[in-house]
Amino acid sequence: MELEIRVSKKSIAKQWFFNVFLVMAAVVSVLLILVCIAIQTRYYNSVYEAASGYCKGLSLLATSDAASYPAVAKQYVEQFEHKDKIEIQIIDRNGKVIITSNGFSPTTEPMPDYEQALITGTARSYRGKNAGGEWIMAETTILTDFGEGSNGAVRWVVSLEQANRRIFLVCAICVVVGIGFLLLSWLSGGYFIRSIVRPVQELSKMARKIAMGDFDSRIEIESGTEIGELCDSINYMASELKSAEQMKNEFISSVSHELRTPLTAIRGWGETAKMSVGTDDEIALKGLDVVLSESERLSGLVEELLDFSRIQSGRLSIETAPISVRDVLSDAVDMYVELAKQQEIELTYLSLPKELFVMGDRDRLKQVYINVIDNAIKYTEKGGHVIVSQYEEEGVVVTKINDTGVGIPAQDLDRVKEKFFKSNKKVRGSGIGLAVADEIVKQHNGLLFVESKEGVGTTVTIALPIKEIEPEIKEEIIPPVSEQEIIPEQEEKNDEQM
């Protein structure tokens, strides 16, 4: 039985539609309903207040007796001033309409408000449709019986058709405004969502391409927004990854070449020395010297790679102790005196006038000096000059290695201490030596600066804090005087007295 797992993907547009737009539409709909109800209530209240004001004097009919009630009602209705606005109906005590203000014969249509008024004894109103299907508002007031036997009722009726048309018009305007608002929200929200979704989709495609090793792809998105800045950052990341990939490939190629050269020499001279044993001892010894020399060079390269790996993983160990920087630098310079002569480069060493100490690892600092001096000689052409100097300045010991080599282009100067970076790819080297040296100097709480001008030369400055060494106080031990030495002296004094 196979278990099928489906991952549902919710797009940003769908989430916006369900979580934002539908909620907004529901809120707008509720508001429109409440507004329409409020508008209707306001209009109906206005109609009711106006009608009630027109019919204030009808309660005087209660003072007439049963015999004169119809005549008084007729007289009052004929004198009523607002016949064009409202209809007045006079009802006798039997519930029969005896006269109306519109001049038409009284009808026998139902009067719910009259029936309720009879039950409650108070004025009751009604809003609904009449027998002709017209929307009306009506109210019946039971006249007070003062003992004369009238006890009829007065009912006013007003049409709501005009009020309903106005209510419908106002509510329609409100609905149109609400729909317009929702439509505008839909369009603006859709545009906004597209402005996010499209870059996100492009970013997703870009990420997949980068994961597949395609660092040449770029996202063409206008900057100026956070999404644009993100796209610019992704494009910058892609270019940096491409540059790092190129440096990595160049590093692998360079290291392969650096490893192959000594291995080729070791193999070639090893075979030559093997064949020369017993026949030409001089060639055999020379071959062994080359094998040992290239083995040492190969060991140094491997150690440099191991140091770089330790730096990357944070496992570079530094064993600190007070050491003389003059002795360390002197040992490093001595290693390159013969090489400088062979390449016809003048190597000048200006040592410290006095011995200064720093807290550090002797082997690691020697590795730094060797690396920098090796670079100076390596990038200096025949007839050039390399000056190594050391001096004290404000609590630090400064070491300068200055050469008259090819120099470093200005655009590459800030990157020379980066891993794998090589400004001059024609000269041998792994591209990590200066990065390792810089990290070692930082571990010693020091600084490494590189100044250079293309075609003029390069100056590398290494500054390390001085460690003050207190001189040891030597106690003078006076040997005790033996009795044999005291006795002869005492005897001499006694002889003199005698």
Protein backbone atom coordinates (compact mmCIF):
# COMPACT_ATOMS: atom_id res chain seq x y z
CA MET A 1 0.00 0.00 0.00
CA GLU A 2 1.56 3.25 -1.12
CA LEU A 3 1.23 6.31 1.02
CA GLU A 4 0.75 9.42 -1.08
CA ILE A 5 1.73 12.69 0.54
CA ARG A 6 0.56 15.92 -1.02
CA VAL A 7 1.98 19.23 0.03
CA SER A 8 -0.52 22.01 -0.46
CA LYS A 9 1.12 25.24 -1.51
CA LYS A 10 -0.67 28.42 -0.53
CA SER A 11 0.32 31.36 -2.65
CA ILE A 12 0.64 34.85 -1.25
CA ALA A 13 -2.23 35.99 -3.51
CA LYS A 14 -4.59 33.34 -2.11
CA GLN A 15 -3.60 34.13 1.44
CA TRP A 16 -4.18 37.83 0.81
CA PHE A 17 -7.58 37.11 -0.78
CA PHE A 18 -8.86 34.91 2.04
CA ASN A 19 -7.17 36.61 4.99
CA VAL A 20 -7.41 40.25 3.95
CA PHE A 21 -9.76 40.96 1.06
CA LEU A 22 -12.65 38.74 2.20
CA VAL A 23 -12.42 40.13 5.73
CA MET A 24 -12.39 43.64 4.30
CA ALA A 25 -15.40 42.84 2.08
CA ALA A 26 -17.29 41.41 5.07
CA VAL A 27 -16.54 44.50 7.16
CA VAL A 28 -17.62 46.82 4.33
CA SER A 29 -20.82 44.82 3.82
CA VAL A 30 -21.74 45.00 7.50
CA LEU A 31 -21.00 48.72 7.54
CA LEU A 32 -23.17 49.24 4.45
CA ILE A 33 -26.06 47.34 6.05
CA LEU A 34 -25.77 49.39 9.24
CA VAL A 35 -25.55 52.63 7.26
CA CYS A 36 -28.61 51.73 5.18
CA ILE A 37 -30.57 50.83 8.31
CA ALA A 38 -29.54 54.13 9.91
CA ILE A 39 -30.55 56.06 6.77
CA GLN A 40 -33.94 54.32 6.63
CA THR A 41 -34.54 54.90 10.33
CA ARG A 42 -33.62 58.56 10.01
CA TYR A 43 -35.95 59.12 7.05
CA TYR A 44 -38.85 57.25 8.69
CA ASN A 45 -38.37 59.18 11.92
CA SER A 46 -38.45 62.42 9.96
CA VAL A 47 -41.69 61.37 8.25
CA TYR A 48 -43.22 60.35 11.57
CA GLU A 49 -42.23 63.59 13.32
CA ALA A 50 -43.59 65.67 10.43
CA ALA A 51 -46.89 63.77 10.34
CA SER A 52 -47.29 63.96 14.10
CA GLY A 53 -46.71 67.69 13.96
CA TYR A 54 -49.35 68.16 11.29
CA CYS A 55 -52.01 66.34 13.37
CA LYS A 56 -51.46 67.94 16.80
CA GLY A 57 -54.91 69.64 16.92
CA LEU A 58 -56.97 66.52 16.17
CA SER A 59 -57.32 65.68 19.84
CA LEU A 60 -59.89 68.54 20.13
CA LEU A 61 -62.45 66.23 18.54
CA ALA A 62 -62.74 64.48 21.88
CA THR A 63 -64.78 67.38 23.30
CA SER A 64 -67.74 66.85 20.96
CA ASP A 65 -70.69 64.66 21.84
CA ALA A 66 -71.89 61.64 19.89
CA ALA A 67 -74.51 63.62 17.95
CA SER A 68 -72.23 66.44 16.83
CA TYR A 69 -69.11 64.27 16.39
CA PRO A 70 -69.61 63.61 12.63
CA ALA A 71 -70.29 67.23 11.85
CA VAL A 72 -67.34 68.50 13.90
CA ALA A 73 -65.09 65.91 12.27
CA LYS A 74 -66.22 66.98 8.81
CA GLN A 75 -65.65 70.62 9.62
CA TYR A 76 -62.18 69.91 11.00
CA VAL A 77 -61.15 67.81 8.02
CA GLU A 78 -62.35 70.43 5.57
CA GLN A 79 -60.28 73.08 7.37
CA PHE A 80 -57.16 70.85 7.57
CA GLU A 81 -54.24 72.70 5.91
CA HIS A 82 -51.96 69.78 5.02
CA LYS A 83 -54.23 67.67 2.88
CA ASP A 84 -51.61 67.50 0.14
CA LYS A 85 -49.05 65.98 2.48
CA ILE A 86 -51.01 63.66 4.73
CA GLU A 87 -54.37 61.89 4.81
CA ILE A 88 -56.61 62.23 7.85
CA GLN A 89 -59.22 59.57 8.67
CA ILE A 90 -61.90 60.12 11.33
CA ILE A 91 -63.18 56.91 12.90
CA ASP A 92 -66.29 56.58 15.02
CA ARG A 93 -66.59 54.45 18.16
CA ASN A 94 -67.70 51.49 16.06
CA GLY A 95 -64.42 51.47 14.06
CA LYS A 96 -65.93 52.84 10.90
CA VAL A 97 -64.19 55.54 8.92
CA ILE A 98 -66.75 58.30 8.55
CA ILE A 99 -64.65 60.87 6.69
CA THR A 100 -61.21 61.27 5.06
CA SER A 101 -59.21 64.33 4.08
CA ASN A 102 -58.52 63.13 0.50
CA GLY A 103 -62.20 63.39 -0.49
CA PHE A 104 -62.54 59.76 -1.41
CA SER A 105 -65.16 57.51 0.07
CA PRO A 106 -63.98 55.70 3.17
CA THR A 107 -62.68 52.20 2.52
CA THR A 108 -62.97 49.11 4.58
CA GLU A 109 -59.29 48.08 4.27
CA PRO A 110 -57.62 46.64 7.37
CA MET A 111 -56.24 49.08 9.92
CA PRO A 112 -53.73 47.16 12.10
CA ASP A 113 -52.74 50.25 14.01
CA TYR A 114 -56.39 50.96 14.98
CA GLU A 115 -56.93 47.44 16.20
CA GLN A 116 -53.76 47.58 18.35
CA ALA A 117 -54.72 51.02 19.66
CA LEU A 118 -58.09 49.66 20.81
CA ILE A 119 -56.35 46.89 22.72
CA THR A 120 -53.67 49.01 24.38
CA GLY A 121 -55.62 52.25 24.68
CA THR A 122 -52.62 54.21 23.43
CA ALA A 123 -51.55 55.54 20.06
CA ARG A 124 -50.18 52.82 17.80
CA SER A 125 -48.39 53.14 14.48
CA TYR A 126 -48.10 50.88 11.47
CA ARG A 127 -45.64 50.69 8.59
CA GLY A 128 -46.30 48.46 5.64
CA LYS A 129 -48.34 48.11 2.48
CA ASN A 130 -51.97 49.09 2.07
CA ALA A 131 -54.59 47.24 0.03
CA GLY A 132 -53.27 48.86 -3.16
CA GLY A 133 -49.72 47.66 -2.50
CA GLU A 134 -48.39 51.12 -1.61
CA TRP A 135 -45.94 51.54 1.26
CA ILE A 136 -47.54 53.71 3.95
CA MET A 137 -47.00 54.84 7.51
CA ALA A 138 -50.10 55.23 9.70
CA GLU A 139 -50.93 55.99 13.31
CA THR A 140 -54.19 55.80 15.22
CA THR A 141 -54.97 57.79 18.36
CA ILE A 142 -58.02 56.83 20.44
CA LEU A 143 -59.88 59.99 21.49
CA THR A 144 -60.55 60.41 25.18
CA ASP A 145 -64.17 59.94 26.17
CA PHE A 146 -65.23 62.80 28.45
CA GLY A 147 -68.64 61.26 29.02
CA GLU A 148 -70.23 62.76 25.96
CA GLY A 149 -70.24 59.46 24.09
CA SER A 150 -67.91 60.36 21.21
CA ASN A 151 -64.94 58.05 22.01
CA GLY A 152 -63.88 57.82 18.36
CA ALA A 153 -60.39 57.76 16.89
CA VAL A 154 -58.23 59.82 14.59
CA ARG A 155 -55.92 58.12 12.11
CA TRP A 156 -53.36 59.72 9.85
CA VAL A 157 -51.83 57.98 6.85
CA VAL A 158 -48.80 59.12 4.84
CA SER A 159 -47.19 57.54 1.78
CA LEU A 160 -43.61 56.25 2.08
CA GLU A 161 -43.00 55.93 -1.65
CA GLN A 162 -41.07 59.18 -1.93
CA ALA A 163 -39.14 58.49 1.27
CA ASN A 164 -38.33 54.98 0.06
CA ARG A 165 -37.05 56.39 -3.25
CA ARG A 166 -34.74 58.74 -1.38
CA ILE A 167 -33.64 55.98 0.96
CA PHE A 168 -32.95 53.72 -2.01
CA LEU A 169 -30.98 56.48 -3.78
CA VAL A 170 -28.84 57.27 -0.75
CA CYS A 171 -28.26 53.61 0.03
CA ALA A 172 -27.42 52.93 -3.62
CA ILE A 173 -24.81 55.71 -3.50
CA CYS A 174 -23.35 54.18 -0.34
CA VAL A 175 -23.27 50.72 -1.92
CA VAL A 176 -21.60 52.11 -5.05
CA VAL A 177 -19.01 53.85 -2.85
CA GLY A 178 -18.44 50.60 -0.92
CA ILE A 179 -18.13 48.56 -4.10
CA GLY A 180 -15.77 51.19 -5.51
CA PHE A 181 -13.68 50.99 -2.37
CA LEU A 182 -13.52 47.20 -2.60
CA LEU A 183 -12.71 47.38 -6.30
CA LEU A 184 -9.95 49.90 -5.65
CA SER A 185 -8.66 47.70 -2.83
CA TRP A 186 -8.75 44.69 -5.16
CA LEU A 187 -6.82 46.49 -7.89
CA SER A 188 -4.27 48.12 -5.60
CA GLY A 189 -3.89 44.95 -3.53
CA GLY A 190 -3.53 42.86 -6.67
CA TYR A 191 -0.88 45.22 -8.02
CA PHE A 192 0.91 45.18 -4.68
CA ILE A 193 0.74 41.39 -4.44
CA ARG A 194 2.03 41.03 -8.02
CA SER A 195 4.87 43.41 -7.18
CA ILE A 196 5.83 40.98 -4.39
CA VAL A 197 4.99 37.65 -5.99
CA ARG A 198 6.87 38.24 -9.24
CA PRO A 199 10.18 39.13 -7.53
CA VAL A 200 9.71 36.24 -5.09
CA GLN A 201 9.20 33.87 -8.01
CA GLU A 202 12.26 35.32 -9.70
CA LEU A 203 14.20 34.92 -6.45
CA SER A 204 13.08 31.29 -6.23
CA LYS A 205 14.23 30.62 -9.79
CA MET A 206 17.48 32.46 -9.11
CA ALA A 207 18.11 30.41 -5.95
CA ARG A 208 17.61 27.18 -7.89
CA LYS A 209 20.03 28.33 -10.59
CA ILE A 210 22.61 29.32 -7.99
CA ALA A 211 22.16 25.93 -6.32
CA MET A 212 22.88 24.33 -9.71
CA GLY A 213 26.07 26.39 -10.08
CA ASP A 214 24.79 29.05 -12.50
CA PHE A 215 26.22 32.29 -11.07
CA ASP A 216 25.71 34.38 -14.23
CA SER A 217 21.93 34.76 -13.83
CA ARG A 218 20.60 38.09 -12.61
CA ILE A 219 17.21 39.35 -11.43
CA GLU A 220 15.99 42.37 -13.40
CA ILE A 221 13.89 44.12 -10.76
CA GLU A 222 13.70 47.88 -10.25
CA SER A 223 15.32 48.90 -6.99
CA GLY A 224 13.97 51.44 -4.53
CA THR A 225 11.91 49.08 -2.38
CA GLU A 226 12.82 46.40 0.13
CA ILE A 227 12.15 43.74 -2.52
CA GLY A 228 14.40 45.62 -4.95
CA GLU A 229 17.13 45.83 -2.32
CA LEU A 230 16.76 42.10 -1.67
CA CYS A 231 17.07 41.41 -5.40
CA ASP A 232 20.15 43.63 -5.56
CA SER A 233 21.60 41.68 -2.61
CA ILE A 234 20.89 38.37 -4.37
CA ASN A 235 22.54 39.67 -7.55
CA TYR A 236 25.52 40.82 -5.49
CA MET A 237 25.64 37.44 -3.77
CA ALA A 238 25.63 35.69 -7.15
CA SER A 239 28.51 37.84 -8.38
CA GLU A 240 30.44 37.21 -5.16
CA LEU A 241 29.78 33.48 -5.42
CA LYS A 242 30.98 33.57 -9.01
CA SER A 243 34.11 35.40 -7.91
CA ALA A 244 34.61 32.94 -5.04
CA GLU A 245 34.09 30.03 -7.43
CA GLN A 246 36.68 31.45 -9.79
CA MET A 247 39.12 32.00 -6.92
CA LYS A 248 38.48 28.48 -5.68
CA ASN A 249 39.15 27.02 -9.12
CA GLU A 250 42.28 29.15 -9.46
CA PHE A 251 43.32 28.06 -5.97
CA ILE A 252 42.87 24.39 -6.84
CA SER A 253 44.79 24.90 -10.07
CA SER A 254 47.54 26.82 -8.29
CA VAL A 255 47.82 24.31 -5.44
CA SER A 256 47.83 21.45 -7.93
CA HIS A 257 50.67 23.14 -9.76
CA GLU A 258 52.49 23.85 -6.51
CA LEU A 259 52.17 20.20 -5.50
CA ARG A 260 53.01 18.82 -8.91
CA THR A 261 56.22 20.81 -9.33
CA PRO A 262 58.02 19.44 -6.25
CA LEU A 263 56.58 15.97 -6.79
CA THR A 264 57.89 15.98 -10.36
CA ALA A 265 61.30 17.11 -9.13
CA ILE A 266 61.32 14.50 -6.36
CA ARG A 267 60.36 11.72 -8.73
CA GLY A 268 62.80 12.79 -11.46
CA TRP A 269 65.80 13.33 -9.22
CA GLY A 270 64.90 10.27 -7.15
CA GLU A 271 65.09 8.09 -10.25
CA THR A 272 68.30 9.83 -11.34
CA ALA A 273 69.89 9.34 -7.90
CA LYS A 274 68.84 5.69 -7.89
CA MET A 275 70.47 5.06 -11.26
CA SER A 276 73.61 6.97 -10.24
CA VAL A 277 74.28 5.08 -7.04
CA GLY A 278 77.65 3.32 -7.43
CA THR A 279 78.41 4.96 -10.78
CA ASP A 280 78.26 8.70 -10.14
CA ASP A 281 78.09 9.52 -6.44
CA GLU A 282 78.12 13.27 -7.07
CA ILE A 283 74.93 13.10 -9.17
CA ALA A 284 73.34 10.80 -6.60
CA LEU A 285 74.11 13.22 -3.75
CA LYS A 286 72.81 16.15 -5.78
CA GLY A 287 69.61 14.24 -6.48
CA LEU A 288 69.15 13.50 -2.78
CA ASP A 289 69.67 17.19 -1.97
CA VAL A 290 66.97 18.14 -4.46
CA VAL A 291 64.64 15.48 -3.08
CA LEU A 292 65.14 16.77 0.47
CA SER A 293 64.75 20.41 -0.60
CA GLU A 294 61.56 19.79 -2.58
CA SER A 295 60.20 17.58 0.20
CA GLU A 296 60.69 20.45 2.64
CA ARG A 297 58.96 22.81 0.21
CA LEU A 298 56.10 20.35 -0.19
CA SER A 299 55.83 19.94 3.58
CA GLY A 300 55.63 23.73 3.98
CA LEU A 301 52.81 23.96 1.44
CA VAL A 302 50.87 21.17 3.14
CA GLU A 303 51.39 22.84 6.53
CA GLU A 304 50.10 26.11 5.10
CA LEU A 305 46.97 24.35 3.86
CA LEU A 306 46.50 22.72 7.26
CA ASP A 307 46.86 26.11 8.98
CA PHE A 308 44.25 27.56 6.68
CA SER A 309 41.91 24.68 7.52
CA ARG A 310 42.51 25.28 11.25
CA ILE A 311 41.73 29.00 10.83
CA GLN A 312 38.50 28.22 8.97
CA SER A 313 37.37 25.85 11.72
CA GLY A 314 38.64 28.05 14.57
CA ARG A 315 41.20 25.46 15.71
CA LEU A 316 44.40 27.44 15.12
CA SER A 317 46.45 26.97 18.28
CA ILE A 318 48.74 29.70 19.62
CA GLU A 319 51.14 28.87 22.47
CA THR A 320 52.15 32.20 23.97
CA ALA A 321 55.39 32.91 25.76
CA PRO A 322 57.78 35.87 25.90
CA ILE A 323 59.89 35.74 22.72
CA SER A 324 62.48 38.02 21.17
CA VAL A 325 61.09 39.41 17.92
CA ARG A 326 64.62 40.37 16.83
CA ASP A 327 65.77 36.76 16.99
CA VAL A 328 62.65 35.48 15.21
CA LEU A 329 62.97 38.00 12.35
CA SER A 330 66.73 37.38 12.10
CA ASP A 331 66.15 33.63 11.66
CA ALA A 332 63.53 34.30 8.97
CA VAL A 333 65.84 36.69 7.05
CA ASP A 334 68.74 34.22 7.19
CA MET A 335 66.62 31.65 5.35
CA TYR A 336 66.36 33.94 2.28
CA VAL A 337 69.83 35.41 2.07
CA GLU A 338 71.09 32.72 -0.30
CA LEU A 339 67.88 32.73 -2.38
CA ALA A 340 68.11 36.52 -2.80
CA LYS A 341 71.70 36.18 -4.04
CA GLN A 342 70.71 33.52 -6.55
CA GLN A 343 67.96 35.74 -7.97
CA GLU A 344 70.24 38.81 -7.90
CA ILE A 345 68.03 40.66 -5.43
CA GLU A 346 69.58 42.87 -2.77
CA LEU A 347 68.28 41.87 0.66
CA THR A 348 68.93 44.43 3.42
CA TYR A 349 68.17 43.73 7.07
CA LEU A 350 68.05 46.56 9.64
CA SER A 351 67.74 44.88 13.03
CA LEU A 352 66.59 46.33 16.33
CA PRO A 353 69.24 48.14 18.34
CA LYS A 354 68.05 46.33 21.48
CA GLU A 355 66.21 43.16 22.27
CA LEU A 356 62.41 43.50 22.57
CA PHE A 357 59.93 40.85 23.64
CA VAL A 358 56.35 40.08 22.69
CA MET A 359 53.90 37.50 24.00
CA GLY A 360 53.47 35.04 21.20
CA ASP A 361 54.20 31.76 19.48
CA ARG A 362 57.73 31.73 18.09
CA ASP A 363 56.99 29.28 15.29
CA ARG A 364 53.81 31.08 14.22
CA LEU A 365 55.46 34.51 14.13
CA LYS A 366 58.39 33.07 12.21
CA GLN A 367 55.86 31.63 9.77
CA VAL A 368 54.39 35.15 9.30
CA TYR A 369 57.80 36.73 8.65
CA ILE A 370 58.79 33.94 6.27
CA ASN A 371 55.55 34.27 4.34
CA VAL A 372 55.87 38.04 3.90
CA ILE A 373 59.60 37.94 3.01
CA ASP A 374 58.96 35.09 0.57
CA ASN A 375 56.27 37.19 -1.15
CA ALA A 376 58.59 40.20 -1.32
CA ILE A 377 61.34 38.20 -3.03
CA LYS A 378 58.89 36.29 -5.20
CA TYR A 379 57.33 39.46 -6.64
CA THR A 380 60.61 41.37 -7.00
CA GLU A 381 62.42 41.08 -10.31
CA LYS A 382 66.16 40.65 -10.87
CA GLY A 383 68.12 43.69 -9.70
CA GLY A 384 65.44 44.72 -7.23
CA HIS A 385 65.77 45.53 -3.58
CA VAL A 386 64.07 44.11 -0.46
CA ILE A 387 64.49 45.96 2.84
CA VAL A 388 63.53 44.31 6.15
CA SER A 389 63.53 46.69 9.12
CA GLN A 390 62.38 46.62 12.69
CA TYR A 391 61.90 49.44 15.22
CA GLU A 392 60.06 50.39 18.40
CA GLU A 393 57.20 52.88 18.37
CA GLU A 394 54.82 53.81 21.24
CA GLY A 395 54.69 50.46 22.97
CA VAL A 396 54.70 48.33 19.83
CA VAL A 397 57.43 46.73 17.78
CA VAL A 398 57.01 47.47 14.07
CA THR A 399 58.35 45.24 11.33
CA LYS A 400 58.41 46.55 7.75
CA ILE A 401 59.16 44.48 4.67
CA ASN A 402 59.57 46.80 1.71
CA ASP A 403 60.24 45.65 -1.86
CA THR A 404 60.64 47.24 -5.29
CA GLY A 405 58.55 44.56 -6.97
CA VAL A 406 55.64 44.68 -9.40
CA GLY A 407 53.24 46.14 -6.80
CA ILE A 408 49.51 45.58 -6.42
CA PRO A 409 46.79 47.30 -8.50
CA ALA A 410 44.71 49.78 -6.49
CA GLN A 411 41.47 47.87 -7.11
CA ASP A 412 43.00 44.69 -5.64
CA LEU A 413 44.67 46.23 -2.61
CA ASP A 414 41.69 45.77 -0.28
CA ARG A 415 41.38 42.09 -1.18
CA VAL A 416 44.97 40.86 -0.89
CA LYS A 417 44.29 39.42 2.58
CA GLU A 418 41.23 37.49 1.40
CA LYS A 419 41.46 33.72 1.11
CA PHE A 420 42.26 32.34 -2.37
CA PHE A 421 42.77 35.86 -3.79
CA LYS A 422 45.80 36.40 -6.04
CA SER A 423 46.38 39.76 -7.68
CA ASN A 424 49.21 38.46 -9.88
CA LYS A 425 48.35 35.04 -11.26
CA LYS A 426 51.64 34.66 -13.14
CA VAL A 427 53.63 34.10 -9.95
CA ARG A 428 53.49 30.82 -8.06
CA GLY A 429 51.58 30.65 -4.79
CA SER A 430 48.39 29.30 -3.25
CA GLY A 431 46.75 32.63 -2.45
CA ILE A 432 46.18 31.81 1.22
CA GLY A 433 49.59 32.66 2.71
CA LEU A 434 48.79 36.30 3.49
CA ALA A 435 45.34 35.35 4.82
CA VAL A 436 47.00 32.88 7.22
CA ALA A 437 49.62 35.46 8.21
CA ASP A 438 46.98 38.10 8.90
CA GLU A 439 45.01 35.70 11.11
CA ILE A 440 48.13 34.73 13.08
CA VAL A 441 48.98 38.41 13.67
CA LYS A 442 45.41 39.03 14.90
CA GLN A 443 45.80 36.08 17.29
CA HIS A 444 48.80 37.98 18.71
CA ASN A 445 46.70 41.16 19.20
CA GLY A 446 48.63 42.80 16.40
CA LEU A 447 47.89 44.37 13.03
CA LEU A 448 49.10 43.68 9.49
CA PHE A 449 48.93 46.47 6.88
CA VAL A 450 49.65 46.30 3.16
CA GLU A 451 50.59 49.40 1.16
CA SER A 452 51.43 49.15 -2.50
CA LYS A 453 51.64 51.01 -5.78
CA GLU A 454 51.60 49.16 -9.05
CA GLY A 455 54.98 49.21 -10.74
CA VAL A 456 56.68 50.77 -7.70
CA GLY A 457 56.61 48.22 -4.92
CA THR A 458 54.89 46.97 -1.79
CA THR A 459 55.33 47.58 1.91
CA VAL A 460 53.95 45.18 4.50
CA THR A 461 53.83 46.48 8.07
CA ILE A 462 53.40 44.19 11.09
CA ALA A 463 52.79 45.79 14.50
CA LEU A 464 52.88 43.74 17.72
CA PRO A 465 52.45 44.94 21.33
CA ILE A 466 55.65 44.86 23.38
CA LYS A 467 55.84 42.70 26.49
CA GLU A 468 57.88 44.28 29.28
CA ILE A 469 60.22 41.72 30.85
CA GLU A 470 61.32 42.51 34.39
CA PRO A 471 65.01 41.77 34.97
CA GLU A 472 65.73 38.90 37.31
CA ILE A 473 67.19 39.92 40.70
CA LYS A 474 70.24 37.75 41.49
CA GLU A 475 70.90 37.17 45.21
CA GLU A 476 74.59 37.17 46.21
CA ILE A 477 75.31 34.16 48.40
CA ILE A 478 78.26 34.59 50.86
CA PRO A 479 79.80 31.22 51.77
CA PRO A 480 80.16 30.56 55.53
CA VAL A 481 83.65 30.86 57.09
CA SER A 482 85.00 27.56 58.37
CA GLU A 483 86.67 27.12 61.81
CA GLN A 484 89.99 26.16 60.19
CA GLU A 485 90.21 29.60 58.63
CA ILE A 486 89.36 31.37 61.92
CA ILE A 487 91.89 29.48 64.12
CA PRO A 488 95.04 30.45 62.13
CA GLU A 489 93.99 34.10 62.12
CA GLN A 490 93.47 34.02 65.91
CA GLU A 491 96.90 32.39 66.44
CA GLU A 492 98.57 35.13 64.39
CA LYS A 493 97.00 37.82 66.56
CA ASN A 494 98.20 36.07 69.74
CA ASP A 495 101.77 35.82 68.45
CA GLU A 496 101.78 39.55 67.71
CA GLN A 497 100.68 40.36 71.26
CA MET A 498 103.42 38.24 72.78
